[in-house]
C-alpha atoms as a PDB file:
ATOM      1  CA  MET A   1      25.500  18.186 -24.764  1.00  0.00           C
ATOM      2  CA  LYS A   2      24.631  15.738 -27.533  1.00  0.00           C
ATOM      3  CA  ARG A   3      26.323  12.926 -25.592  1.00  0.00           C
ATOM      4  CA  ALA A   4      24.037  13.615 -22.640  1.00  0.00           C
ATOM      5  CA  TYR A   5      20.920  13.385 -24.811  1.00  0.00           C
ATOM      6  CA  ASP A   6      22.229  10.209 -26.444  1.00  0.00           C
ATOM      7  CA  LEU A   7      22.504   8.639 -22.984  1.00  0.00           C
ATOM      8  CA  LEU A   8      19.016   9.818 -22.103  1.00  0.00           C
ATOM      9  CA  GLU A   9      17.648   8.144 -25.221  1.00  0.00           C
ATOM     10  CA  LEU A  10      19.201   4.865 -24.071  1.00  0.00           C
ATOM     11  CA  ILE A  11      17.696   5.348 -20.625  1.00  0.00           C
ATOM     12  CA  LYS A  12      14.278   6.140 -22.103  1.00  0.00           C
ATOM     13  CA  LYS A  13      14.306   2.964 -24.172  1.00  0.00           C
ATOM     14  CA  ALA A  14      15.345   0.827 -21.207  1.00  0.00           C
ATOM     15  CA  TYR A  15      12.875   2.431 -18.780  1.00  0.00           C
ATOM     16  CA  ARG A  16       9.949   1.993 -21.163  1.00  0.00           C
ATOM     17  CA  GLN A  17      10.782  -1.699 -21.391  1.00  0.00           C
ATOM     18  CA  ILE A  18      11.225  -2.067 -17.624  1.00  0.00           C
ATOM     19  CA  LEU A  19       8.126  -0.148 -16.533  1.00  0.00           C
ATOM     20  CA  GLY A  20       5.744  -0.742 -19.425  1.00  0.00           C
ATOM     21  CA  ASP A  21       2.304   0.799 -19.010  1.00  0.00           C
ATOM     22  CA  THR A  22       3.087   1.974 -15.479  1.00  0.00           C
ATOM     23  CA  LEU A  23       5.455   4.625 -16.850  1.00  0.00           C
ATOM     24  CA  THR A  24       3.801   8.041 -17.140  1.00  0.00           C
ATOM     25  CA  GLY A  25       6.796  10.057 -18.294  1.00  0.00           C
ATOM     26  CA  ILE A  26      10.454  11.033 -18.007  1.00  0.00           C
ATOM     27  CA  TYR A  27      11.343  14.699 -17.509  1.00  0.00           C
ATOM     28  CA  ILE A  28      14.715  16.442 -17.741  1.00  0.00           C
ATOM     29  CA  HIS A  29      15.603  19.190 -15.280  1.00  0.00           C
ATOM     30  CA  GLY A  30      18.825  20.729 -13.942  1.00  0.00           C
ATOM     31  CA  SER A  31      21.615  22.130 -16.084  1.00  0.00           C
ATOM     32  CA  LEU A  32      20.454  20.370 -19.259  1.00  0.00           C
ATOM     33  CA  ALA A  33      17.050  22.016 -18.983  1.00  0.00           C
ATOM     34  CA  PHE A  34      18.628  25.402 -18.247  1.00  0.00           C
ATOM     35  CA  GLY A  35      20.930  25.059 -21.268  1.00  0.00           C
ATOM     36  CA  CYS A  36      24.147  25.370 -19.276  1.00  0.00           C
ATOM     37  CA  PHE A  37      25.185  21.699 -19.092  1.00  0.00           C
ATOM     38  CA  ARG A  38      28.933  21.036 -19.079  1.00  0.00           C
ATOM     39  CA  TRP A  39      30.308  17.530 -19.343  1.00  0.00           C
ATOM     40  CA  GLU A  40      33.140  18.249 -16.891  1.00  0.00           C
ATOM     41  CA  CYS A  41      31.046  19.632 -14.017  1.00  0.00           C
ATOM     42  CA  SER A  42      27.354  18.775 -14.549  1.00  0.00           C
ATOM     43  CA  ASP A  43      25.240  15.727 -13.919  1.00  0.00           C
ATOM     44  CA  ILE A  44      22.283  14.481 -15.945  1.00  0.00           C
ATOM     45  CA  ASP A  45      19.127  15.166 -13.926  1.00  0.00           C
ATOM     46  CA  PHE A  46      15.753  13.599 -14.628  1.00  0.00           C
ATOM     47  CA  LEU A  47      12.505  12.617 -12.938  1.00  0.00           C
ATOM     48  CA  VAL A  48      10.646   9.397 -13.673  1.00  0.00           C
ATOM     49  CA  VAL A  49       6.895   9.570 -13.043  1.00  0.00           C
ATOM     50  CA  VAL A  50       4.970   6.322 -12.604  1.00  0.00           C
ATOM     51  CA  GLU A  51       1.341   5.293 -12.111  1.00  0.00           C
ATOM     52  CA  THR A  52       2.158   2.707  -9.436  1.00  0.00           C
ATOM     53  CA  GLU A  53       5.225   1.991  -7.348  1.00  0.00           C
ATOM     54  CA  PRO A  54       7.711  -0.233  -9.217  1.00  0.00           C
ATOM     55  CA  THR A  55       8.346  -3.731  -7.962  1.00  0.00           C
ATOM     56  CA  LEU A  56      11.701  -4.512  -6.373  1.00  0.00           C
ATOM     57  CA  LYS A  57      12.772  -6.251  -9.566  1.00  0.00           C
ATOM     58  CA  GLN A  58      11.854  -3.181 -11.614  1.00  0.00           C
ATOM     59  CA  LYS A  59      13.707  -0.884  -9.216  1.00  0.00           C
ATOM     60  CA  GLU A  60      16.826  -3.015  -9.517  1.00  0.00           C
ATOM     61  CA  ALA A  61      16.598  -2.886 -13.309  1.00  0.00           C
ATOM     62  CA  LEU A  62      16.178   0.920 -13.280  1.00  0.00           C
ATOM     63  CA  ILE A  63      19.304   1.402 -11.170  1.00  0.00           C
ATOM     64  CA  GLN A  64      21.282  -1.258 -13.029  1.00  0.00           C
ATOM     65  CA  THR A  65      20.643   0.635 -16.258  1.00  0.00           C
ATOM     66  CA  LEU A  66      22.384   3.677 -14.779  1.00  0.00           C
ATOM     67  CA  LEU A  67      25.229   1.598 -13.362  1.00  0.00           C
ATOM     68  CA  ASP A  68      25.785   0.022 -16.790  1.00  0.00           C
ATOM     69  CA  LEU A  69      25.954   3.477 -18.403  1.00  0.00           C
ATOM     70  CA  ASN A  70      28.147   5.041 -15.746  1.00  0.00           C
ATOM     71  CA  SER A  71      31.372   4.604 -17.721  1.00  0.00           C
ATOM     72  CA  GLN A  72      29.853   6.669 -20.548  1.00  0.00           C
ATOM     73  CA  ALA A  73      28.376   9.333 -18.256  1.00  0.00           C
ATOM     74  CA  PRO A  74      29.764  12.746 -17.323  1.00  0.00           C
ATOM     75  CA  VAL A  75      32.013  12.939 -14.267  1.00  0.00           C
ATOM     76  CA  LYS A  76      29.125  13.730 -11.917  1.00  0.00           C
ATOM     77  CA  GLY A  77      26.982  10.974 -13.447  1.00  0.00           C
ATOM     78  CA  PHE A  78      23.209  10.804 -13.138  1.00  0.00           C
ATOM     79  CA  GLU A  79      20.654  12.051 -10.637  1.00  0.00           C
ATOM     80  CA  MET A  80      17.270  10.378 -10.894  1.00  0.00           C
ATOM     81  CA  SER A  81      14.146  10.118  -8.749  1.00  0.00           C
ATOM     82  CA  VAL A  82      11.064   7.966  -9.304  1.00  0.00           C
ATOM     83  CA  VAL A  83       7.842   9.585  -8.081  1.00  0.00           C
ATOM     84  CA  LEU A  84       4.176   8.669  -8.234  1.00  0.00           C
ATOM     85  CA  LYS A  85       1.960  10.610 -10.623  1.00  0.00           C
ATOM     86  CA  GLU A  86      -0.686  11.142  -7.932  1.00  0.00           C
ATOM     87  CA  ASP A  87       1.910  12.771  -5.661  1.00  0.00           C
ATOM     88  CA  CYS A  88       3.086  15.059  -8.454  1.00  0.00           C
ATOM     89  CA  GLN A  89      -0.485  16.176  -9.121  1.00  0.00           C
ATOM     90  CA  GLN A  90      -1.301  16.723  -5.433  1.00  0.00           C
ATOM     91  CA  PHE A  91       1.977  18.272  -4.318  1.00  0.00           C
ATOM     92  CA  ARG A  92       2.960  18.294  -0.668  1.00  0.00           C
ATOM     93  CA  HIS A  93       6.270  19.085   0.947  1.00  0.00           C
ATOM     94  CA  PRO A  94       8.435  17.135   1.359  1.00  0.00           C
ATOM     95  CA  LEU A  95       7.296  14.918  -1.497  1.00  0.00           C
ATOM     96  CA  PRO A  96       7.509  11.101  -1.266  1.00  0.00           C
ATOM     97  CA  TYR A  97       9.709   9.212  -3.697  1.00  0.00           C
ATOM     98  CA  CYS A  98       9.807   5.534  -4.667  1.00  0.00           C
ATOM     99  CA  LEU A  99      13.464   5.394  -5.668  1.00  0.00           C
ATOM    100  CA  HIS A 100      16.431   7.729  -5.964  1.00  0.00           C
ATOM    101  CA  TYR A 101      19.928   7.503  -7.386  1.00  0.00           C
ATOM    102  CA  SER A 102      22.929   9.779  -7.742  1.00  0.00           C
ATOM    103  CA  ASN A 103      26.674   9.248  -7.997  1.00  0.00           C
ATOM    104  CA  ALA A 104      26.897   9.786  -4.245  1.00  0.00           C
ATOM    105  CA  HIS A 105      25.265   6.355  -3.930  1.00  0.00           C
ATOM    106  CA  LEU A 106      27.266   4.616  -6.659  1.00  0.00           C
ATOM    107  CA  LYS A 107      29.383   2.395  -4.405  1.00  0.00           C
ATOM    108  CA  LYS A 108      26.462   1.439  -2.205  1.00  0.00           C
ATOM    109  CA  ALA A 109      24.347   0.468  -5.219  1.00  0.00           C
ATOM    110  CA  GLU A 110      27.174  -1.535  -6.751  1.00  0.00           C
ATOM    111  CA  LYS A 111      27.875  -3.358  -3.482  1.00  0.00           C
ATOM    112  CA  ASP A 112      24.317  -4.584  -2.814  1.00  0.00           C
ATOM    113  CA  LEU A 113      21.755  -3.493  -5.370  1.00  0.00           C
ATOM    114  CA  THR A 114      18.823  -5.244  -3.700  1.00  0.00           C
ATOM    115  CA  ALA A 115      19.483  -3.699  -0.288  1.00  0.00           C
ATOM    116  CA  TYR A 116      19.975  -0.318  -1.904  1.00  0.00           C
ATOM    117  CA  CYS A 117      16.642  -0.458  -3.724  1.00  0.00           C
ATOM    118  CA  ILE A 118      14.780  -1.640  -0.628  1.00  0.00           C
ATOM    119  CA  GLY A 119      16.110   1.214   1.469  1.00  0.00           C
ATOM    120  CA  MET A 120      16.053   4.043  -1.083  1.00  0.00           C
ATOM    121  CA  GLN A 121      12.575   5.495  -0.592  1.00  0.00           C
ATOM    122  CA  GLY A 122      10.991   8.078   1.653  1.00  0.00           C
ATOM    123  CA  LEU A 123      10.517  11.862   1.654  1.00  0.00           C
ATOM    124  CA  ASP A 124      12.812  14.247  -0.216  1.00  0.00           C
ATOM    125  CA  PRO A 125      12.674  18.035   0.325  1.00  0.00           C
ATOM    126  CA  ASP A 126      14.829  18.498  -2.799  1.00  0.00           C
ATOM    127  CA  LEU A 127      11.909  17.414  -4.986  1.00  0.00           C
ATOM    128  CA  ALA A 128      10.226  20.782  -4.448  1.00  0.00           C
ATOM    129  CA  ALA A 129      13.195  22.382  -6.207  1.00  0.00           C
ATOM    130  CA  HIS A 130      13.409  19.719  -8.912  1.00  0.00           C
ATOM    131  CA  ILE A 131       9.727  20.043  -9.790  1.00  0.00           C
ATOM    132  CA  THR A 132       9.844  23.837  -9.736  1.00  0.00           C
ATOM    133  CA  VAL A 133      12.737  23.774 -12.212  1.00  0.00           C
ATOM    134  CA  THR A 134      10.942  21.149 -14.303  1.00  0.00           C
ATOM    135  CA  ARG A 135       7.855  23.351 -14.527  1.00  0.00           C
ATOM    136  CA  ALA A 136       9.960  26.435 -15.324  1.00  0.00           C
ATOM    137  CA  THR A 137      12.441  25.079 -17.863  1.00  0.00           C
ATOM    138  CA  GLY A 138      12.091  21.281 -17.987  1.00  0.00           C
ATOM    139  CA  GLN A 139      12.041  19.104 -21.073  1.00  0.00           C
ATOM    140  CA  VAL A 140       9.845  16.119 -21.865  1.00  0.00           C
ATOM    141  CA  LEU A 141      11.921  13.066 -22.709  1.00  0.00           C
ATOM    142  CA  TYR A 142       8.837  10.859 -22.770  1.00  0.00           C
ATOM    143  CA  GLY A 143       5.198  11.294 -21.792  1.00  0.00           C
ATOM    144  CA  PRO A 144       2.559  14.011 -21.445  1.00  0.00           C
ATOM    145  CA  ALA A 145       3.263  17.730 -21.197  1.00  0.00           C
ATOM    146  CA  ILE A 146       4.855  18.911 -17.966  1.00  0.00           C
ATOM    147  CA  ASP A 147       1.857  20.978 -16.828  1.00  0.00           C
ATOM    148  CA  GLU A 148      -0.357  17.916 -17.160  1.00  0.00           C
ATOM    149  CA  VAL A 149       1.797  15.917 -14.756  1.00  0.00           C
ATOM    150  CA  PHE A 150       3.247  18.347 -12.204  1.00  0.00           C
ATOM    151  CA  ALA A 151       1.119  20.637 -10.054  1.00  0.00           C
ATOM    152  CA  PRO A 152       2.591  24.019  -9.092  1.00  0.00           C
ATOM    153  CA  VAL A 153       4.918  24.041  -6.091  1.00  0.00           C
ATOM    154  CA  PRO A 154       4.121  26.760  -3.523  1.00  0.00           C
ATOM    155  CA  ALA A 155       6.851  29.401  -3.443  1.00  0.00           C
ATOM    156  CA  SER A 156       7.373  28.812   0.280  1.00  0.00           C
ATOM    157  CA  ASP A 157       8.102  25.109  -0.337  1.00  0.00           C
ATOM    158  CA  TYR A 158      10.548  25.891  -3.132  1.00  0.00           C
ATOM    159  CA  LEU A 159      12.336  28.414  -0.931  1.00  0.00           C
ATOM    160  CA  ASN A 160      12.478  25.901   1.906  1.00  0.00           C
ATOM    161  CA  SER A 161      14.002  23.378  -0.488  1.00  0.00           C
ATOM    162  CA  ILE A 162      16.723  25.648  -1.859  1.00  0.00           C
ATOM    163  CA  TRP A 163      17.396  27.107   1.595  1.00  0.00           C
ATOM    164  CA  CYS A 164      18.505  23.631   2.715  1.00  0.00           C
ATOM    165  CA  ASP A 165      21.314  23.882   0.148  1.00  0.00           C
ATOM    166  CA  ILE A 166      22.759  27.093   1.581  1.00  0.00           C
ATOM    167  CA  GLU A 167      21.845  27.236   5.271  1.00  0.00           C
ATOM    168  CA  ASN A 168      25.404  26.125   6.194  1.00  0.00           C
ATOM    169  CA  ALA A 169      27.033  28.392   3.618  1.00  0.00           C
ATOM    170  CA  GLU A 170      29.432  30.058   6.065  1.00  0.00           C
ATOM    171  CA  GLU A 171      31.199  26.727   6.580  1.00  0.00           C
ATOM    172  CA  ASP A 172      30.583  25.156   3.171  1.00  0.00           C
ATOM    173  CA  ILE A 173      31.862  28.122   1.167  1.00  0.00           C
ATOM    174  CA  ILE A 174      35.427  27.476   2.338  1.00  0.00           C
ATOM    175  CA  GLU A 175      35.421  23.906   1.017  1.00  0.00           C
ATOM    176  CA  ASN A 176      33.400  24.514  -2.140  1.00  0.00           C
ATOM    177  CA  PRO A 177      33.490  28.240  -2.933  1.00  0.00           C
ATOM    178  CA  VAL A 178      32.278  28.215  -6.541  1.00  0.00           C
ATOM    179  CA  TYR A 179      29.187  26.089  -5.904  1.00  0.00           C
ATOM    180  CA  VAL A 180      28.188  27.972  -2.748  1.00  0.00           C
ATOM    181  CA  ILE A 181      28.775  31.470  -4.184  1.00  0.00           C
ATOM    182  CA  LEU A 182      26.629  30.806  -7.248  1.00  0.00           C
ATOM    183  CA  ASN A 183      24.014  28.953  -5.220  1.00  0.00           C
ATOM    184  CA  LEU A 184      23.690  31.851  -2.781  1.00  0.00           C
ATOM    185  CA  CYS A 185      23.136  34.171  -5.732  1.00  0.00           C
ATOM    186  CA  ARG A 186      20.347  32.092  -7.211  1.00  0.00           C
ATOM    187  CA  VAL A 187      18.614  31.679  -3.858  1.00  0.00           C
ATOM    188  CA  LEU A 188      18.754  35.446  -3.306  1.00  0.00           C
ATOM    189  CA  ALA A 189      17.455  36.019  -6.851  1.00  0.00           C
ATOM    190  CA  PHE A 190      14.403  33.925  -6.048  1.00  0.00           C
ATOM    191  CA  THR A 191      13.963  35.497  -2.628  1.00  0.00           C
ATOM    192  CA  LEU A 192      14.032  39.049  -3.994  1.00  0.00           C
ATOM    193  CA  ASP A 193      12.725  38.705  -7.544  1.00  0.00           C
ATOM    194  CA  GLY A 194      10.965  35.321  -7.708  1.00  0.00           C
ATOM    195  CA  LEU A 195      13.393  34.050 -10.370  1.00  0.00           C
ATOM    196  CA  VAL A 196      14.104  30.335 -10.861  1.00  0.00           C
ATOM    197  CA  LEU A 197      17.711  30.256 -12.083  1.00  0.00           C
ATOM    198  CA  SER A 198      20.604  27.890 -12.680  1.00  0.00           C
ATOM    199  CA  LYS A 199      23.876  28.430 -10.819  1.00  0.00           C
ATOM    200  CA  GLU A 200      25.345  30.116 -13.891  1.00  0.00           C
ATOM    201  CA  GLN A 201      22.317  32.372 -14.258  1.00  0.00           C
ATOM    202  CA  GLY A 202      22.509  33.108 -10.545  1.00  0.00           C
ATOM    203  CA  GLY A 203      26.055  34.340 -11.048  1.00  0.00           C
ATOM    204  CA  THR A 204      24.955  36.622 -13.873  1.00  0.00           C
ATOM    205  CA  TRP A 205      22.154  37.980 -11.698  1.00  0.00           C
ATOM    206  CA  GLY A 206      24.608  38.562  -8.856  1.00  0.00           C
ATOM    207  CA  GLN A 207      26.975  40.573 -11.024  1.00  0.00           C
ATOM    208  CA  THR A 208      24.095  42.851 -11.951  1.00  0.00           C
ATOM    209  CA  HIS A 209      22.254  43.179  -8.648  1.00  0.00           C
ATOM    210  CA  LEU A 210      24.763  42.794  -5.821  1.00  0.00           C
ATOM    211  CA  PRO A 211      26.760  45.654  -4.265  1.00  0.00           C
ATOM    212  CA  GLU A 212      30.103  46.409  -5.878  1.00  0.00           C
ATOM    213  CA  ASN A 213      32.093  44.927  -2.989  1.00  0.00           C
ATOM    214  CA  LEU A 214      30.541  41.493  -3.667  1.00  0.00           C
ATOM    215  CA  LYS A 215      30.639  41.419  -7.459  1.00  0.00           C
ATOM    216  CA  SER A 216      34.330  40.508  -7.663  1.00  0.00           C
ATOM    217  CA  VAL A 217      33.712  37.306  -5.707  1.00  0.00           C
ATOM    218  CA  VAL A 218      30.827  36.344  -7.987  1.00  0.00           C
ATOM    219  CA  ARG A 219      32.793  37.191 -11.115  1.00  0.00           C
ATOM    220  CA  ARG A 220      35.666  34.893 -10.147  1.00  0.00           C
ATOM    221  CA  ALA A 221      33.327  32.066  -9.200  1.00  0.00           C
ATOM    222  CA  GLN A 222      31.424  32.276 -12.458  1.00  0.00           C
ATOM    223  CA  LYS A 223      34.584  32.332 -14.579  1.00  0.00           C
ATOM    224  CA  LYS A 224      35.803  29.236 -12.756  1.00  0.00           C
ATOM    225  CA  TYR A 225      32.432  27.510 -13.234  1.00  0.00           C
ATOM    226  CA  VAL A 226      31.986  28.426 -16.899  1.00  0.00           C
ATOM    227  CA  TYR A 227      35.541  28.486 -18.242  1.00  0.00           C
ATOM    228  CA  GLY A 228      37.552  26.580 -15.646  1.00  0.00           C
ATOM    229  CA  THR A 229      39.639  29.712 -15.018  1.00  0.00           C
ATOM    230  CA  ALA A 230      41.862  29.257 -11.970  1.00  0.00           C
ATOM    231  CA  TYR A 231      41.147  31.717  -9.184  1.00  0.00           C
ATOM    232  CA  THR A 232      41.998  31.857  -5.516  1.00  0.00           C
ATOM    233  CA  PHE A 233      39.658  33.117  -2.827  1.00  0.00           C
ATOM    234  CA  ASN A 234      40.539  34.701   0.473  1.00  0.00           C
ATOM    235  CA  VAL A 235      38.866  32.867   3.363  1.00  0.00           C
ATOM    236  CA  ALA A 236      37.828  36.109   5.030  1.00  0.00           C
ATOM    237  CA  GLU A 237      36.139  37.431   1.883  1.00  0.00           C
ATOM    238  CA  LEU A 238      34.341  34.116   1.358  1.00  0.00           C
ATOM    239  CA  VAL A 239      32.929  34.096   4.871  1.00  0.00           C
ATOM    240  CA  ALA A 240      31.952  37.756   4.590  1.00  0.00           C
ATOM    241  CA  PHE A 241      30.214  37.054   1.268  1.00  0.00           C
ATOM    242  CA  ALA A 242      28.255  34.140   2.750  1.00  0.00           C
ATOM    243  CA  GLN A 243      27.279  36.141   5.813  1.00  0.00           C
ATOM    244  CA  GLU A 244      26.024  39.095   3.805  1.00  0.00           C
ATOM    245  CA  LEU A 245      23.959  37.057   1.355  1.00  0.00           C
ATOM    246  CA  LEU A 246      22.516  34.850   4.090  1.00  0.00           C
ATOM    247  CA  GLN A 247      21.512  37.989   5.935  1.00  0.00           C
ATOM    248  CA  LYS A 248      19.747  39.334   2.837  1.00  0.00           C
ATOM    249  CA  ILE A 249      17.978  35.999   2.250  1.00  0.00           C
ATOM    250  CA  GLN A 250      16.902  35.600   5.864  1.00  0.00           C
ATOM    251  CA  LYS A 251      15.628  39.155   6.055  1.00  0.00           C
ATOM    252  CA  LYS A 252      13.287  38.519   3.129  1.00  0.00           C
ATOM    253  CA  ARG A 253      12.509  34.927   4.091  1.00  0.00           C
ATOM    254  CA  TYR A 254      11.152  35.868   7.490  1.00  0.00           C
END
């Protein structure tokens, strides 16, 4: 975990130089904020809040900083969004963003950084989840306190955001069982109990609150996620698990 914070300190220094007085703050969310970061399977998530939209030159420098650090980053790299302070303080869903980067865009950014920065802006429904997590467990890397910068996200917007991650769970669970199993648990935990949890915490909640016939699936997924323990899953039990949890979520959601 120390390596992740060392990288964030380098990013903070670079971003303060790039953005100057237009930088409001940098805020850590995701697995680092939840305290369950693992170098082998986590990315480094953070939000950059600015007073005014960065220039194209500034955007290129922000992304280039992450590209330059990629060789030192965890396997899943960085996930970063730049958002305006006024949008954070007057939340609407989906929230606009000025710039976004994750490892999914690595090749595109490396190939043509200028084109990437020009095109990477718009509306992002995921920001409702990121800001909710930031308000619940986030850490200030630089700038004012979190509550001074981020307005509360309505529960319905947060649920809409995390629902997008699991609405295709019946198909996705076969390709990526561990992620989908734990994600379904944390979405159900919020739907039933209003809890904002990490995937690991979602698995713990599932082992306590789900029916006995589902706990074995969750237990195997969590051991794989936390310890790397090798487990196999039966396709039929995966699909049945997804169907049952989606049914529980939808019943409460509507």
